[in-house]
Amino acid sequence: MLELRPICENCKTLLPPDSTEARICSFECTFCRVCVEGILKNVCPNCGGGFVPRPIRPKNNWKDDNYLGKYPATNQHKHRQVDLQAHRQFAENIFSISPELR
């Protein structure tokens, strides 16, 4: 079950459960679209993977109690501001490789 983390790990932009700006990697590291596209160049600073838009959990109980009311988003913040110089060096050799080939 996705945690639906509430902020961008880098810039602390709020990313509520229904945000279309949230991006996650396969480990659910969570960043905003602006950081992923502009700063990170689609390279997760924690694992080197790529990012995808985070799914939005339904607000309404459409079927079998699979909704935000039963499975709420976490309120725990994970703020790990990216060291831009270190990330540039880390991502330099892999950002041009498609995430599915990394």
C-alpha atoms as a PDB file:
ATOM      1  CA  MET A   1       0.000   0.000   0.000  1.00  0.00           C
ATOM      2  CA  LEU A   2       1.476   3.348  -1.008  1.00  0.00           C
ATOM      3  CA  GLU A   3       2.124   5.745   1.863  1.00  0.00           C
ATOM      4  CA  LEU A   4       1.168   8.808  -0.217  1.00  0.00           C
ATOM      5  CA  ARG A   5       3.849  10.936   1.416  1.00  0.00           C
ATOM      6  CA  PRO A   6       2.743  14.527   2.021  1.00  0.00           C
ATOM      7  CA  ILE A   7       5.718  16.617   0.830  1.00  0.00           C
ATOM      8  CA  CYS A   8       8.488  16.775  -1.735  1.00  0.00           C
ATOM      9  CA  GLU A   9      11.593  15.328  -0.111  1.00  0.00           C
ATOM     10  CA  ASN A  10      13.688  18.108  -1.609  1.00  0.00           C
ATOM     11  CA  CYS A  11      11.753  21.389  -1.516  1.00  0.00           C
ATOM     12  CA  LYS A  12       8.948  20.535   0.935  1.00  0.00           C
ATOM     13  CA  THR A  13       6.192  21.399  -1.563  1.00  0.00           C
ATOM     14  CA  LEU A  14       2.917  20.047  -0.223  1.00  0.00           C
ATOM     15  CA  LEU A  15       1.754  16.961  -2.089  1.00  0.00           C
ATOM     16  CA  PRO A  16      -1.685  16.016  -0.779  1.00  0.00           C
ATOM     17  CA  PRO A  17      -3.096  12.593  -1.715  1.00  0.00           C
ATOM     18  CA  ASP A  18      -4.882  14.021  -4.761  1.00  0.00           C
ATOM     19  CA  SER A  19      -1.864  15.922  -6.122  1.00  0.00           C
ATOM     20  CA  THR A  20      -1.119  15.463  -9.793  1.00  0.00           C
ATOM     21  CA  GLU A  21       2.337  16.988  -9.181  1.00  0.00           C
ATOM     22  CA  ALA A  22       3.682  14.105  -7.039  1.00  0.00           C
ATOM     23  CA  ARG A  23       6.274  11.785  -8.545  1.00  0.00           C
ATOM     24  CA  ILE A  24       7.588   8.554  -7.002  1.00  0.00           C
ATOM     25  CA  CYS A  25      10.307   6.007  -7.709  1.00  0.00           C
ATOM     26  CA  SER A  26       9.908   2.276  -7.099  1.00  0.00           C
ATOM     27  CA  PHE A  27      10.918   2.771  -3.447  1.00  0.00           C
ATOM     28  CA  GLU A  28       8.268   5.493  -3.101  1.00  0.00           C
ATOM     29  CA  CYS A  29      10.788   8.304  -2.732  1.00  0.00           C
ATOM     30  CA  THR A  30       8.511  11.280  -3.289  1.00  0.00           C
ATOM     31  CA  PHE A  31       9.311  14.511  -5.102  1.00  0.00           C
ATOM     32  CA  CYS A  32       7.328  17.215  -6.876  1.00  0.00           C
ATOM     33  CA  ARG A  33       7.233  17.390 -10.664  1.00  0.00           C
ATOM     34  CA  VAL A  34       9.311  20.589 -10.699  1.00  0.00           C
ATOM     35  CA  CYS A  35      12.188  18.983  -8.754  1.00  0.00           C
ATOM     36  CA  VAL A  36      12.055  15.737 -10.771  1.00  0.00           C
ATOM     37  CA  GLU A  37      12.134  17.475 -14.134  1.00  0.00           C
ATOM     38  CA  GLY A  38      14.279  20.511 -13.353  1.00  0.00           C
ATOM     39  CA  ILE A  39      16.737  19.438 -10.671  1.00  0.00           C
ATOM     40  CA  LEU A  40      16.868  15.652 -10.575  1.00  0.00           C
ATOM     41  CA  LYS A  41      16.607  15.038 -14.332  1.00  0.00           C
ATOM     42  CA  ASN A  42      14.420  11.984 -13.614  1.00  0.00           C
ATOM     43  CA  VAL A  43      17.134  10.294 -11.531  1.00  0.00           C
ATOM     44  CA  CYS A  44      16.181   9.423  -7.968  1.00  0.00           C
ATOM     45  CA  PRO A  45      18.964  10.705  -5.696  1.00  0.00           C
ATOM     46  CA  ASN A  46      18.373   7.781  -3.330  1.00  0.00           C
ATOM     47  CA  CYS A  47      18.397   4.812  -5.722  1.00  0.00           C
ATOM     48  CA  GLY A  48      19.129   6.007  -9.266  1.00  0.00           C
ATOM     49  CA  GLY A  49      15.764   4.896 -10.608  1.00  0.00           C
ATOM     50  CA  GLY A  50      13.310   6.973 -12.591  1.00  0.00           C
ATOM     51  CA  PHE A  51      10.054   8.565 -11.507  1.00  0.00           C
ATOM     52  CA  VAL A  52       6.414   8.135 -12.459  1.00  0.00           C
ATOM     53  CA  PRO A  53       3.312  10.125 -11.497  1.00  0.00           C
ATOM     54  CA  ARG A  54       2.040   8.938  -8.125  1.00  0.00           C
ATOM     55  CA  PRO A  55      -1.389   7.262  -8.357  1.00  0.00           C
ATOM     56  CA  ILE A  56      -4.311   8.992  -6.687  1.00  0.00           C
ATOM     57  CA  ARG A  57      -6.235   6.904  -4.180  1.00  0.00           C
ATOM     58  CA  PRO A  58     -10.011   7.351  -4.601  1.00  0.00           C
ATOM     59  CA  LYS A  59     -11.693   9.630  -2.059  1.00  0.00           C
ATOM     60  CA  ASN A  60     -14.980   7.765  -2.383  1.00  0.00           C
ATOM     61  CA  ASN A  61     -15.759   4.204  -1.386  1.00  0.00           C
ATOM     62  CA  TRP A  62     -16.609   2.980  -4.848  1.00  0.00           C
ATOM     63  CA  LYS A  63     -15.853  -0.664  -4.103  1.00  0.00           C
ATOM     64  CA  ASP A  64     -14.886  -2.891  -1.177  1.00  0.00           C
ATOM     65  CA  ASP A  65     -13.634  -0.129   1.158  1.00  0.00           C
ATOM     66  CA  ASN A  66     -10.636   0.590  -1.097  1.00  0.00           C
ATOM     67  CA  TYR A  67     -10.497   4.334  -0.609  1.00  0.00           C
ATOM     68  CA  LEU A  68      -8.667   7.128   1.178  1.00  0.00           C
ATOM     69  CA  GLY A  69     -11.015   7.089   4.165  1.00  0.00           C
ATOM     70  CA  LYS A  70     -10.101   3.501   5.015  1.00  0.00           C
ATOM     71  CA  TYR A  71      -6.462   3.772   3.914  1.00  0.00           C
ATOM     72  CA  PRO A  72      -5.390   7.354   4.653  1.00  0.00           C
ATOM     73  CA  ALA A  73      -2.173   8.972   3.497  1.00  0.00           C
ATOM     74  CA  THR A  74       0.725   9.138   5.929  1.00  0.00           C
ATOM     75  CA  ASN A  75       1.369  12.398   7.730  1.00  0.00           C
ATOM     76  CA  GLN A  76       5.043  11.614   8.311  1.00  0.00           C
ATOM     77  CA  HIS A  77       7.388  13.936   6.462  1.00  0.00           C
ATOM     78  CA  LYS A  78      10.615  12.701   4.881  1.00  0.00           C
ATOM     79  CA  HIS A  79      12.691  15.753   4.095  1.00  0.00           C
ATOM     80  CA  ARG A  80      16.099  14.956   2.666  1.00  0.00           C
ATOM     81  CA  GLN A  81      17.138  18.005   0.708  1.00  0.00           C
ATOM     82  CA  VAL A  82      19.211  16.970  -2.285  1.00  0.00           C
ATOM     83  CA  ASP A  83      22.876  17.949  -2.351  1.00  0.00           C
ATOM     84  CA  LEU A  84      22.828  19.376  -5.872  1.00  0.00           C
ATOM     85  CA  GLN A  85      26.556  19.032  -6.531  1.00  0.00           C
ATOM     86  CA  ALA A  86      26.637  15.428  -5.341  1.00  0.00           C
ATOM     87  CA  HIS A  87      23.495  14.626  -7.349  1.00  0.00           C
ATOM     88  CA  ARG A  88      24.964  16.093 -10.537  1.00  0.00           C
ATOM     89  CA  GLN A  89      27.992  13.828 -10.159  1.00  0.00           C
ATOM     90  CA  PHE A  90      25.825  10.821  -9.281  1.00  0.00           C
ATOM     91  CA  ALA A  91      23.356  11.335 -12.140  1.00  0.00           C
ATOM     92  CA  GLU A  92      25.892  12.390 -14.770  1.00  0.00           C
ATOM     93  CA  ASN A  93      26.466   8.891 -16.139  1.00  0.00           C
ATOM     94  CA  ILE A  94      22.946   7.523 -15.836  1.00  0.00           C
ATOM     95  CA  PHE A  95      20.425  10.287 -16.610  1.00  0.00           C
ATOM     96  CA  SER A  96      20.648   9.578 -20.343  1.00  0.00           C
ATOM     97  CA  ILE A  97      19.788   5.898 -19.782  1.00  0.00           C
ATOM     98  CA  SER A  98      16.054   5.209 -19.853  1.00  0.00           C
ATOM     99  CA  PRO A  99      14.790   4.298 -16.356  1.00  0.00           C
ATOM    100  CA  GLU A 100      13.670   0.842 -17.518  1.00  0.00           C
ATOM    101  CA  LEU A 101      17.264   0.078 -18.572  1.00  0.00           C
ATOM    102  CA  ARG A 102      19.047   1.370 -15.452  1.00  0.00           C
END
